[in-house]
PDB file of N, CA and C in Angstrom:
ATOM      1  N   MET A   1       7.884  -1.915 -18.069  1.00  0.00           N
ATOM      2  CA  MET A   1       6.544  -2.102 -17.568  1.00  0.00           C
ATOM      3  C   MET A   1       6.533  -1.876 -16.062  1.00  0.00           C
ATOM      4  N   SER A   2       5.558  -1.167 -15.590  1.00  0.00           N
ATOM      5  CA  SER A   2       5.420  -0.885 -14.160  1.00  0.00           C
ATOM      6  C   SER A   2       5.115  -2.154 -13.373  1.00  0.00           C
ATOM      7  N   THR A   3       5.408  -2.086 -12.075  1.00  0.00           N
ATOM      8  CA  THR A   3       5.075  -3.161 -11.143  1.00  0.00           C
ATOM      9  C   THR A   3       3.983  -2.664 -10.217  1.00  0.00           C
ATOM     10  N   THR A   4       2.918  -3.435 -10.090  1.00  0.00           N
ATOM     11  CA  THR A   4       1.852  -3.129  -9.140  1.00  0.00           C
ATOM     12  C   THR A   4       2.132  -3.926  -7.875  1.00  0.00           C
ATOM     13  N   VAL A   5       2.073  -3.243  -6.744  1.00  0.00           N
ATOM     14  CA  VAL A   5       2.341  -3.881  -5.458  1.00  0.00           C
ATOM     15  C   VAL A   5       1.106  -3.727  -4.582  1.00  0.00           C
ATOM     16  N   VAL A   6       0.646  -4.839  -4.036  1.00  0.00           N
ATOM     17  CA  VAL A   6      -0.446  -4.822  -3.065  1.00  0.00           C
ATOM     18  C   VAL A   6       0.163  -5.197  -1.725  1.00  0.00           C
ATOM     19  N   THR A   7       0.055  -4.281  -0.771  1.00  0.00           N
ATOM     20  CA  THR A   7       0.555  -4.511   0.585  1.00  0.00           C
ATOM     21  C   THR A   7      -0.650  -4.551   1.508  1.00  0.00           C
ATOM     22  N   GLU A   8      -0.792  -5.654   2.234  1.00  0.00           N
ATOM     23  CA  GLU A   8      -1.930  -5.803   3.135  1.00  0.00           C
ATOM     24  C   GLU A   8      -1.484  -5.634   4.584  1.00  0.00           C
ATOM     25  N   PHE A   9      -2.317  -4.912   5.323  1.00  0.00           N
ATOM     26  CA  PHE A   9      -2.082  -4.652   6.738  1.00  0.00           C
ATOM     27  C   PHE A   9      -3.264  -5.228   7.512  1.00  0.00           C
ATOM     28  N   PHE A  10      -3.028  -6.235   8.319  1.00  0.00           N
ATOM     29  CA  PHE A  10      -4.073  -6.841   9.134  1.00  0.00           C
ATOM     30  C   PHE A  10      -3.923  -6.315  10.559  1.00  0.00           C
ATOM     31  N   ALA A  11      -4.690  -5.291  10.868  1.00  0.00           N
ATOM     32  CA  ALA A  11      -4.580  -4.613  12.161  1.00  0.00           C
ATOM     33  C   ALA A  11      -5.161  -5.452  13.290  1.00  0.00           C
ATOM     34  N   MET A  12      -4.622  -5.216  14.490  1.00  0.00           N
ATOM     35  CA  MET A  12      -5.210  -5.814  15.681  1.00  0.00           C
ATOM     36  C   MET A  12      -6.647  -5.327  15.781  1.00  0.00           C
ATOM     37  N   PRO A  13      -7.535  -6.107  16.393  1.00  0.00           N
ATOM     38  CA  PRO A  13      -8.937  -5.695  16.492  1.00  0.00           C
ATOM     39  C   PRO A  13      -9.079  -4.269  17.039  1.00  0.00           C
ATOM     40  N   GLY A  14      -9.807  -3.451  16.300  1.00  0.00           N
ATOM     41  CA  GLY A  14     -10.045  -2.071  16.694  1.00  0.00           C
ATOM     42  C   GLY A  14      -8.952  -1.087  16.309  1.00  0.00           C
ATOM     43  N   ARG A  15      -7.872  -1.555  15.673  1.00  0.00           N
ATOM     44  CA  ARG A  15      -6.748  -0.674  15.327  1.00  0.00           C
ATOM     45  C   ARG A  15      -6.707  -0.283  13.848  1.00  0.00           C
ATOM     46  N   GLY A  16      -7.714  -0.656  13.082  1.00  0.00           N
ATOM     47  CA  GLY A  16      -7.735  -0.342  11.656  1.00  0.00           C
ATOM     48  C   GLY A  16      -7.638   1.146  11.374  1.00  0.00           C
ATOM     49  N   ASP A  17      -8.341   1.965  12.175  1.00  0.00           N
ATOM     50  CA  ASP A  17      -8.268   3.419  11.990  1.00  0.00           C
ATOM     51  C   ASP A  17      -6.853   3.929  12.240  1.00  0.00           C
ATOM     52  N   ASP A  18      -6.191   3.395  13.264  1.00  0.00           N
ATOM     53  CA  ASP A  18      -4.821   3.813  13.579  1.00  0.00           C
ATOM     54  C   ASP A  18      -3.863   3.450  12.449  1.00  0.00           C
ATOM     55  N   VAL A  19      -4.015   2.250  11.915  1.00  0.00           N
ATOM     56  CA  VAL A  19      -3.149   1.810  10.813  1.00  0.00           C
ATOM     57  C   VAL A  19      -3.381   2.686   9.588  1.00  0.00           C
ATOM     58  N   ALA A  20      -4.647   2.893   9.234  1.00  0.00           N
ATOM     59  CA  ALA A  20      -4.959   3.723   8.060  1.00  0.00           C
ATOM     60  C   ALA A  20      -4.427   5.142   8.245  1.00  0.00           C
ATOM     61  N   LYS A  21      -4.594   5.703   9.422  1.00  0.00           N
ATOM     62  CA  LYS A  21      -4.118   7.066   9.692  1.00  0.00           C
ATOM     63  C   LYS A  21      -2.603   7.152   9.542  1.00  0.00           C
ATOM     64  N   LEU A  22      -1.886   6.185  10.087  1.00  0.00           N
ATOM     65  CA  LEU A  22      -0.429   6.188  10.000  1.00  0.00           C
ATOM     66  C   LEU A  22       0.032   6.086   8.546  1.00  0.00           C
ATOM     67  N   VAL A  23      -0.584   5.198   7.789  1.00  0.00           N
ATOM     68  CA  VAL A  23      -0.216   5.034   6.387  1.00  0.00           C
ATOM     69  C   VAL A  23      -0.526   6.320   5.602  1.00  0.00           C
ATOM     70  N   LEU A  24      -1.656   6.931   5.875  1.00  0.00           N
ATOM     71  CA  LEU A  24      -2.024   8.176   5.181  1.00  0.00           C
ATOM     72  C   LEU A  24      -1.077   9.325   5.537  1.00  0.00           C
ATOM     73  N   GLU A  25      -0.578   9.355   6.778  1.00  0.00           N
ATOM     74  CA  GLU A  25       0.330  10.419   7.204  1.00  0.00           C
ATOM     75  C   GLU A  25       1.635  10.434   6.422  1.00  0.00           C
ATOM     76  N   ILE A  26       2.075   9.286   5.947  1.00  0.00           N
ATOM     77  CA  ILE A  26       3.368   9.211   5.253  1.00  0.00           C
ATOM     78  C   ILE A  26       3.234   9.292   3.729  1.00  0.00           C
ATOM     79  N   LEU A  27       2.030   9.477   3.238  1.00  0.00           N
ATOM     80  CA  LEU A  27       1.816   9.468   1.789  1.00  0.00           C
ATOM     81  C   LEU A  27       2.661  10.491   1.043  1.00  0.00           C
ATOM     82  N   GLY A  28       2.798  11.680   1.589  1.00  0.00           N
ATOM     83  CA  GLY A  28       3.582  12.714   0.915  1.00  0.00           C
ATOM     84  C   GLY A  28       5.000  12.252   0.621  1.00  0.00           C
ATOM     85  N   GLU A  29       5.644  11.697   1.628  1.00  0.00           N
ATOM     86  CA  GLU A  29       7.006  11.180   1.442  1.00  0.00           C
ATOM     87  C   GLU A  29       7.019   9.992   0.490  1.00  0.00           C
ATOM     88  N   SER A  30       6.024   9.145   0.617  1.00  0.00           N
ATOM     89  CA  SER A  30       5.967   7.955  -0.230  1.00  0.00           C
ATOM     90  C   SER A  30       5.850   8.336  -1.699  1.00  0.00           C
ATOM     91  N   LEU A  31       4.989   9.294  -1.993  1.00  0.00           N
ATOM     92  CA  LEU A  31       4.786   9.730  -3.380  1.00  0.00           C
ATOM     93  C   LEU A  31       6.036  10.375  -3.966  1.00  0.00           C
ATOM     94  N   GLN A  32       6.918  10.885  -3.114  1.00  0.00           N
ATOM     95  CA  GLN A  32       8.154  11.521  -3.561  1.00  0.00           C
ATOM     96  C   GLN A  32       9.284  10.521  -3.787  1.00  0.00           C
ATOM     97  N   HIS A  33       9.084   9.273  -3.353  1.00  0.00           N
ATOM     98  CA  HIS A  33      10.161   8.273  -3.457  1.00  0.00           C
ATOM     99  C   HIS A  33      10.390   7.893  -4.915  1.00  0.00           C
ATOM    100  N   GLU A  34      11.657   7.692  -5.254  1.00  0.00           N
ATOM    101  CA  GLU A  34      12.019   7.365  -6.639  1.00  0.00           C
ATOM    102  C   GLU A  34      11.235   6.166  -7.165  1.00  0.00           C
ATOM    103  N   GLY A  35      10.630   6.338  -8.324  1.00  0.00           N
ATOM    104  CA  GLY A  35       9.915   5.258  -8.991  1.00  0.00           C
ATOM    105  C   GLY A  35       8.454   5.138  -8.623  1.00  0.00           C
ATOM    106  N   CYS A  36       7.982   5.904  -7.644  1.00  0.00           N
ATOM    107  CA  CYS A  36       6.580   5.831  -7.248  1.00  0.00           C
ATOM    108  C   CYS A  36       5.708   6.505  -8.308  1.00  0.00           C
ATOM    109  N   GLU A  37       4.746   5.769  -8.826  1.00  0.00           N
ATOM    110  CA  GLU A  37       3.845   6.297  -9.853  1.00  0.00           C
ATOM    111  C   GLU A  37       2.438   6.567  -9.323  1.00  0.00           C
ATOM    112  N   ASP A  38       1.971   5.747  -8.393  1.00  0.00           N
ATOM    113  CA  ASP A  38       0.586   5.877  -7.934  1.00  0.00           C
ATOM    114  C   ASP A  38       0.435   5.140  -6.613  1.00  0.00           C
ATOM    115  N   ILE A  39      -0.380   5.705  -5.709  1.00  0.00           N
ATOM    116  CA  ILE A  39      -0.683   5.051  -4.437  1.00  0.00           C
ATOM    117  C   ILE A  39      -2.170   5.193  -4.156  1.00  0.00           C
ATOM    118  N   ARG A  40      -2.761   4.100  -3.775  1.00  0.00           N
ATOM    119  CA  ARG A  40      -4.147   4.097  -3.286  1.00  0.00           C
ATOM    120  C   ARG A  40      -4.159   3.327  -1.973  1.00  0.00           C
ATOM    121  N   ILE A  41      -4.849   3.861  -0.994  1.00  0.00           N
ATOM    122  CA  ILE A  41      -5.019   3.179   0.283  1.00  0.00           C
ATOM    123  C   ILE A  41      -6.465   2.717   0.344  1.00  0.00           C
ATOM    124  N   LEU A  42      -6.659   1.448   0.645  1.00  0.00           N
ATOM    125  CA  LEU A  42      -7.979   0.833   0.613  1.00  0.00           C
ATOM    126  C   LEU A  42      -8.371   0.312   1.983  1.00  0.00           C
ATOM    127  N   ARG A  43      -9.678   0.367   2.286  1.00  0.00           N
ATOM    128  CA  ARG A  43     -10.223  -0.221   3.520  1.00  0.00           C
ATOM    129  C   ARG A  43     -11.225  -1.286   3.119  1.00  0.00           C
ATOM    130  N   ASP A  44     -11.119  -2.430   3.723  1.00  0.00           N
ATOM    131  CA  ASP A  44     -12.028  -3.541   3.471  1.00  0.00           C
ATOM    132  C   ASP A  44     -13.424  -3.158   3.966  1.00  0.00           C
ATOM    133  N   GLN A  45     -14.424  -3.243   3.103  1.00  0.00           N
ATOM    134  CA  GLN A  45     -15.790  -2.877   3.483  1.00  0.00           C
ATOM    135  C   GLN A  45     -16.375  -3.818   4.533  1.00  0.00           C
ATOM    136  N   ASP A  46     -15.850  -5.029   4.606  1.00  0.00           N
ATOM    137  CA  ASP A  46     -16.383  -6.017   5.543  1.00  0.00           C
ATOM    138  C   ASP A  46     -15.516  -6.213   6.780  1.00  0.00           C
ATOM    139  N   ASP A  47     -14.338  -5.596   6.810  1.00  0.00           N
ATOM    140  CA  ASP A  47     -13.417  -5.737   7.943  1.00  0.00           C
ATOM    141  C   ASP A  47     -12.594  -4.457   8.065  1.00  0.00           C
ATOM    142  N   ALA A  48     -13.022  -3.558   8.924  1.00  0.00           N
ATOM    143  CA  ALA A  48     -12.366  -2.250   9.070  1.00  0.00           C
ATOM    144  C   ALA A  48     -10.924  -2.360   9.561  1.00  0.00           C
ATOM    145  N   ASP A  49     -10.534  -3.514  10.059  1.00  0.00           N
ATOM    146  CA  ASP A  49      -9.160  -3.712  10.527  1.00  0.00           C
ATOM    147  C   ASP A  49      -8.249  -4.280   9.435  1.00  0.00           C
ATOM    148  N   HIS A  50      -8.756  -4.356   8.227  1.00  0.00           N
ATOM    149  CA  HIS A  50      -7.961  -4.821   7.082  1.00  0.00           C
ATOM    150  C   HIS A  50      -7.779  -3.631   6.141  1.00  0.00           C
ATOM    151  N   VAL A  51      -6.542  -3.175   6.041  1.00  0.00           N
ATOM    152  CA  VAL A  51      -6.169  -2.025   5.221  1.00  0.00           C
ATOM    153  C   VAL A  51      -5.199  -2.527   4.159  1.00  0.00           C
ATOM    154  N   ALA A  52      -5.252  -1.931   2.976  1.00  0.00           N
ATOM    155  CA  ALA A  52      -4.328  -2.355   1.922  1.00  0.00           C
ATOM    156  C   ALA A  52      -3.795  -1.136   1.184  1.00  0.00           C
ATOM    157  N   GLY A  53      -2.591  -1.273   0.684  1.00  0.00           N
ATOM    158  CA  GLY A  53      -2.013  -0.277  -0.203  1.00  0.00           C
ATOM    159  C   GLY A  53      -1.942  -0.872  -1.602  1.00  0.00           C
ATOM    160  N   LEU A  54      -2.496  -0.180  -2.561  1.00  0.00           N
ATOM    161  CA  LEU A  54      -2.417  -0.574  -3.964  1.00  0.00           C
ATOM    162  C   LEU A  54      -1.523   0.459  -4.620  1.00  0.00           C
ATOM    163  N   THR A  55      -0.307   0.064  -4.963  1.00  0.00           N
ATOM    164  CA  THR A  55       0.675   1.026  -5.447  1.00  0.00           C
ATOM    165  C   THR A  55       1.250   0.570  -6.785  1.00  0.00           C
ATOM    166  N   ARG A  56       1.736   1.546  -7.536  1.00  0.00           N
ATOM    167  CA  ARG A  56       2.398   1.236  -8.801  1.00  0.00           C
ATOM    168  C   ARG A  56       3.764   1.907  -8.790  1.00  0.00           C
ATOM    169  N   TRP A  57       4.766   1.130  -9.176  1.00  0.00           N
ATOM    170  CA  TRP A  57       6.161   1.576  -9.170  1.00  0.00           C
ATOM    171  C   TRP A  57       6.763   1.350 -10.543  1.00  0.00           C
ATOM    172  N   ALA A  58       7.693   2.196 -10.936  1.00  0.00           N
ATOM    173  CA  ALA A  58       8.328   2.068 -12.246  1.00  0.00           C
ATOM    174  C   ALA A  58       8.956   0.685 -12.394  1.00  0.00           C
ATOM    175  N   GLU A  59       9.621   0.219 -11.338  1.00  0.00           N
ATOM    176  CA  GLU A  59      10.239  -1.104 -11.330  1.00  0.00           C
ATOM    177  C   GLU A  59      10.108  -1.694  -9.930  1.00  0.00           C
ATOM    178  N   ARG A  60      10.138  -3.004  -9.852  1.00  0.00           N
ATOM    179  CA  ARG A  60       9.990  -3.695  -8.568  1.00  0.00           C
ATOM    180  C   ARG A  60      11.023  -3.211  -7.557  1.00  0.00           C
ATOM    181  N   HIS A  61      12.247  -3.022  -7.996  1.00  0.00           N
ATOM    182  CA  HIS A  61      13.299  -2.612  -7.052  1.00  0.00           C
ATOM    183  C   HIS A  61      12.990  -1.251  -6.433  1.00  0.00           C
ATOM    184  N   ASN A  62      12.215  -0.406  -7.118  1.00  0.00           N
ATOM    185  CA  ASN A  62      11.847   0.881  -6.519  1.00  0.00           C
ATOM    186  C   ASN A  62      11.041   0.671  -5.243  1.00  0.00           C
ATOM    187  N   TYR A  63      10.115  -0.295  -5.267  1.00  0.00           N
ATOM    188  CA  TYR A  63       9.335  -0.574  -4.066  1.00  0.00           C
ATOM    189  C   TYR A  63      10.197  -1.235  -2.997  1.00  0.00           C
ATOM    190  N   THR A  64      11.024  -2.210  -3.389  1.00  0.00           N
ATOM    191  CA  THR A  64      11.847  -2.878  -2.379  1.00  0.00           C
ATOM    192  C   THR A  64      12.846  -1.904  -1.760  1.00  0.00           C
ATOM    193  N   ASP A  65      13.365  -0.965  -2.557  1.00  0.00           N
ATOM    194  CA  ASP A  65      14.238   0.084  -2.014  1.00  0.00           C
ATOM    195  C   ASP A  65      13.462   0.974  -1.045  1.00  0.00           C
ATOM    196  N   TYR A  66      12.242   1.330  -1.424  1.00  0.00           N
ATOM    197  CA  TYR A  66      11.373   2.156  -0.578  1.00  0.00           C
ATOM    198  C   TYR A  66      11.102   1.441   0.748  1.00  0.00           C
ATOM    199  N   LEU A  67      10.739   0.156   0.668  1.00  0.00           N
ATOM    200  CA  LEU A  67      10.446  -0.600   1.883  1.00  0.00           C
ATOM    201  C   LEU A  67      11.682  -0.700   2.777  1.00  0.00           C
ATOM    202  N   ALA A  68      12.842  -0.912   2.188  1.00  0.00           N
ATOM    203  CA  ALA A  68      14.084  -0.960   2.973  1.00  0.00           C
ATOM    204  C   ALA A  68      14.336   0.380   3.660  1.00  0.00           C
ATOM    205  N   TRP A  69      14.078   1.477   2.948  1.00  0.00           N
ATOM    206  CA  TRP A  69      14.242   2.818   3.525  1.00  0.00           C
ATOM    207  C   TRP A  69      13.273   3.023   4.682  1.00  0.00           C
ATOM    208  N   ARG A  70      12.003   2.649   4.481  1.00  0.00           N
ATOM    209  CA  ARG A  70      11.011   2.778   5.563  1.00  0.00           C
ATOM    210  C   ARG A  70      11.422   1.921   6.764  1.00  0.00           C
ATOM    211  N   THR A  71      11.889   0.727   6.507  1.00  0.00           N
ATOM    212  CA  THR A  71      12.292  -0.177   7.580  1.00  0.00           C
ATOM    213  C   THR A  71      13.475   0.392   8.357  1.00  0.00           C
ATOM    214  N   SER A  72      14.453   0.936   7.636  1.00  0.00           N
ATOM    215  CA  SER A  72      15.651   1.477   8.309  1.00  0.00           C
ATOM    216  C   SER A  72      15.332   2.700   9.158  1.00  0.00           C
ATOM    217  N   HIS A  73      14.238   3.374   8.861  1.00  0.00           N
ATOM    218  CA  HIS A  73      13.825   4.549   9.642  1.00  0.00           C
ATOM    219  C   HIS A  73      12.795   4.210  10.720  1.00  0.00           C
ATOM    220  N   GLY A  74      12.548   2.899  10.943  1.00  0.00           N
ATOM    221  CA  GLY A  74      11.687   2.471  12.040  1.00  0.00           C
ATOM    222  C   GLY A  74      10.204   2.424  11.738  1.00  0.00           C
ATOM    223  N   PHE A  75       9.809   2.836  10.539  1.00  0.00           N
ATOM    224  CA  PHE A  75       8.380   2.876  10.239  1.00  0.00           C
ATOM    225  C   PHE A  75       7.753   1.483  10.239  1.00  0.00           C
ATOM    226  N   THR A  76       8.427   0.527   9.632  1.00  0.00           N
ATOM    227  CA  THR A  76       7.859  -0.811   9.526  1.00  0.00           C
ATOM    228  C   THR A  76       7.627  -1.406  10.909  1.00  0.00           C
ATOM    229  N   ALA A  77       8.566  -1.230  11.817  1.00  0.00           N
ATOM    230  CA  ALA A  77       8.409  -1.756  13.180  1.00  0.00           C
ATOM    231  C   ALA A  77       7.242  -1.078  13.897  1.00  0.00           C
ATOM    232  N   THR A  78       7.115   0.237  13.722  1.00  0.00           N
ATOM    233  CA  THR A  78       5.997   0.968  14.341  1.00  0.00           C
ATOM    234  C   THR A  78       4.671   0.454  13.811  1.00  0.00           C
ATOM    235  N   LEU A  79       4.599   0.263  12.519  1.00  0.00           N
ATOM    236  CA  LEU A  79       3.380  -0.217  11.895  1.00  0.00           C
ATOM    237  C   LEU A  79       3.078  -1.654  12.321  1.00  0.00           C
ATOM    238  N   GLU A  80       4.078  -2.517  12.247  1.00  0.00           N
ATOM    239  CA  GLU A  80       3.837  -3.924  12.567  1.00  0.00           C
ATOM    240  C   GLU A  80       3.465  -4.144  14.030  1.00  0.00           C
ATOM    241  N   ALA A  81       3.784  -3.200  14.908  1.00  0.00           N
ATOM    242  CA  ALA A  81       3.370  -3.314  16.314  1.00  0.00           C
ATOM    243  C   ALA A  81       1.848  -3.226  16.445  1.00  0.00           C
ATOM    244  N   MET A  82       1.176  -2.705  15.428  1.00  0.00           N
ATOM    245  CA  MET A  82      -0.289  -2.596  15.434  1.00  0.00           C
ATOM    246  C   MET A  82      -0.962  -3.718  14.646  1.00  0.00           C
ATOM    247  N   LEU A  83      -0.176  -4.646  14.115  1.00  0.00           N
ATOM    248  CA  LEU A  83      -0.708  -5.680  13.234  1.00  0.00           C
ATOM    249  C   LEU A  83      -0.724  -7.058  13.901  1.00  0.00           C
ATOM    250  N   THR A  84      -1.567  -7.924  13.371  1.00  0.00           N
ATOM    251  CA  THR A  84      -1.635  -9.298  13.870  1.00  0.00           C
ATOM    252  C   THR A  84      -0.636 -10.207  13.169  1.00  0.00           C
ATOM    253  N   GLN A  85      -0.048  -9.720  12.068  1.00  0.00           N
ATOM    254  CA  GLN A  85       0.942 -10.495  11.319  1.00  0.00           C
ATOM    255  C   GLN A  85       1.815  -9.534  10.525  1.00  0.00           C
ATOM    256  N   PRO A  86       2.961  -9.996  10.062  1.00  0.00           N
ATOM    257  CA  PRO A  86       3.808  -9.115   9.250  1.00  0.00           C
ATOM    258  C   PRO A  86       3.089  -8.661   7.981  1.00  0.00           C
ATOM    259  N   LEU A  87       3.613  -7.622   7.350  1.00  0.00           N
ATOM    260  CA  LEU A  87       3.055  -7.141   6.089  1.00  0.00           C
ATOM    261  C   LEU A  87       2.935  -8.292   5.104  1.00  0.00           C
ATOM    262  N   VAL A  88       1.836  -8.307   4.362  1.00  0.00           N
ATOM    263  CA  VAL A  88       1.651  -9.274   3.282  1.00  0.00           C
ATOM    264  C   VAL A  88       1.830  -8.492   1.989  1.00  0.00           C
ATOM    265  N   ILE A  89       2.822  -8.865   1.189  1.00  0.00           N
ATOM    266  CA  ILE A  89       3.169  -8.097  -0.003  1.00  0.00           C
ATOM    267  C   ILE A  89       3.108  -9.004  -1.230  1.00  0.00           C
ATOM    268  N   HIS A  90       2.424  -8.516  -2.276  1.00  0.00           N
ATOM    269  CA  HIS A  90       2.327  -9.224  -3.547  1.00  0.00           C
ATOM    270  C   HIS A  90       2.768  -8.280  -4.659  1.00  0.00           C
ATOM    271  N   TYR A  91       3.517  -8.822  -5.619  1.00  0.00           N
ATOM    272  CA  TYR A  91       4.005  -8.054  -6.769  1.00  0.00           C
ATOM    273  C   TYR A  91       3.316  -8.576  -8.031  1.00  0.00           C
ATOM    274  N   TYR A  92       2.795  -7.655  -8.851  1.00  0.00           N
ATOM    275  CA  TYR A  92       2.048  -8.046 -10.041  1.00  0.00           C
ATOM    276  C   TYR A  92       2.539  -7.309 -11.280  1.00  0.00           C
ATOM    277  N   ASP A  93       2.503  -8.027 -12.404  1.00  0.00           N
ATOM    278  CA  ASP A  93       2.615  -7.407 -13.715  1.00  0.00           C
ATOM    279  C   ASP A  93       1.188  -7.215 -14.214  1.00  0.00           C
ATOM    280  N   GLU A  94       0.947  -6.115 -14.880  1.00  0.00           N
ATOM    281  CA  GLU A  94      -0.393  -5.847 -15.391  1.00  0.00           C
ATOM    282  C   GLU A  94      -0.632  -6.658 -16.655  1.00  0.00           C
ATOM    283  N   ALA A  95      -1.712  -7.439 -16.667  1.00  0.00           N
ATOM    284  CA  ALA A  95      -2.065  -8.244 -17.831  1.00  0.00           C
ATOM    285  C   ALA A  95      -3.118  -7.534 -18.693  1.00  0.00           C
ATOM    286  N   PHE A  96      -3.944  -6.680 -18.071  1.00  0.00           N
ATOM    287  CA  PHE A  96      -4.995  -5.981 -18.801  1.00  0.00           C
ATOM    288  C   PHE A  96      -5.527  -4.849 -17.943  1.00  0.00           C
ATOM    289  N   GLN A  97      -5.917  -3.762 -18.595  1.00  0.00           N
ATOM    290  CA  GLN A  97      -6.638  -2.680 -17.927  1.00  0.00           C
ATOM    291  C   GLN A  97      -7.677  -2.158 -18.905  1.00  0.00           C
ATOM    292  N   GLY A  98      -8.906  -2.058 -18.466  1.00  0.00           N
ATOM    293  CA  GLY A  98      -9.979  -1.549 -19.306  1.00  0.00           C
ATOM    294  C   GLY A  98     -10.942  -0.725 -18.481  1.00  0.00           C
ATOM    295  N   GLN A  99     -11.686   0.123 -19.152  1.00  0.00           N
ATOM    296  CA  GLN A  99     -12.666   0.955 -18.462  1.00  0.00           C
ATOM    297  C   GLN A  99     -14.060   0.388 -18.668  1.00  0.00           C
ATOM    298  N   GLY A 100     -14.829   0.339 -17.600  1.00  0.00           N
ATOM    299  CA  GLY A 100     -16.193  -0.154 -17.651  1.00  0.00           C
ATOM    300  C   GLY A 100     -17.165   0.912 -18.122  1.00  0.00           C
ATOM    301  N   MET A 101     -18.380   0.509 -18.266  1.00  0.00           N
ATOM    302  CA  MET A 101     -19.447   1.368 -18.775  1.00  0.00           C
ATOM    303  C   MET A 101     -19.600   2.651 -17.938  1.00  0.00           C
ATOM    304  N   ALA A 102     -19.499   2.532 -16.604  1.00  0.00           N
ATOM    305  CA  ALA A 102     -19.694   3.704 -15.746  1.00  0.00           C
ATOM    306  C   ALA A 102     -18.669   4.791 -16.040  1.00  0.00           C
ATOM    307  N   VAL A 103     -17.455   4.424 -16.373  1.00  0.00           N
ATOM    308  CA  VAL A 103     -16.402   5.395 -16.685  1.00  0.00           C
ATOM    309  C   VAL A 103     -16.610   5.956 -18.077  1.00  0.00           C
ATOM    310  N   ARG A 104     -16.952   5.116 -19.012  1.00  0.00           N
ATOM    311  CA  ARG A 104     -17.108   5.553 -20.405  1.00  0.00           C
ATOM    312  C   ARG A 104     -18.297   6.480 -20.583  1.00  0.00           C
ATOM    313  N   ASN A 105     -19.275   6.438 -19.701  1.00  0.00           N
ATOM    314  CA  ASN A 105     -20.486   7.262 -19.844  1.00  0.00           C
ATOM    315  C   ASN A 105     -20.409   8.583 -19.104  1.00  0.00           C
ATOM    316  N   ARG A 106     -19.290   8.945 -18.596  1.00  0.00           N
ATOM    317  CA  ARG A 106     -19.172  10.218 -17.857  1.00  0.00           C
ATOM    318  C   ARG A 106     -19.167  11.371 -18.793  1.00  0.00           C
TER     319      ARG A 106
END
């Protein structure tokens, strides 16, 4: 079963665009990392300085290996220099997925 990972980035005031841009710039490499199945980058509609990554990995260790690789190459430090707090990371098992009416009526 895949692992869904939500990574939250709380940017310093006014730095949300910079954080989102940096995260988007590395997507190509991220998608190529072993075990990566899906990546979505989200922006909070009510707080432009709150960015999140919604990702799916074949196994949890694939994400932790990826994060260790990013950290060893200095990316995490560069990113966290723009944040008000360290990365907030949550790991989830999927309990249910369903399509709503808007999707079914396409």
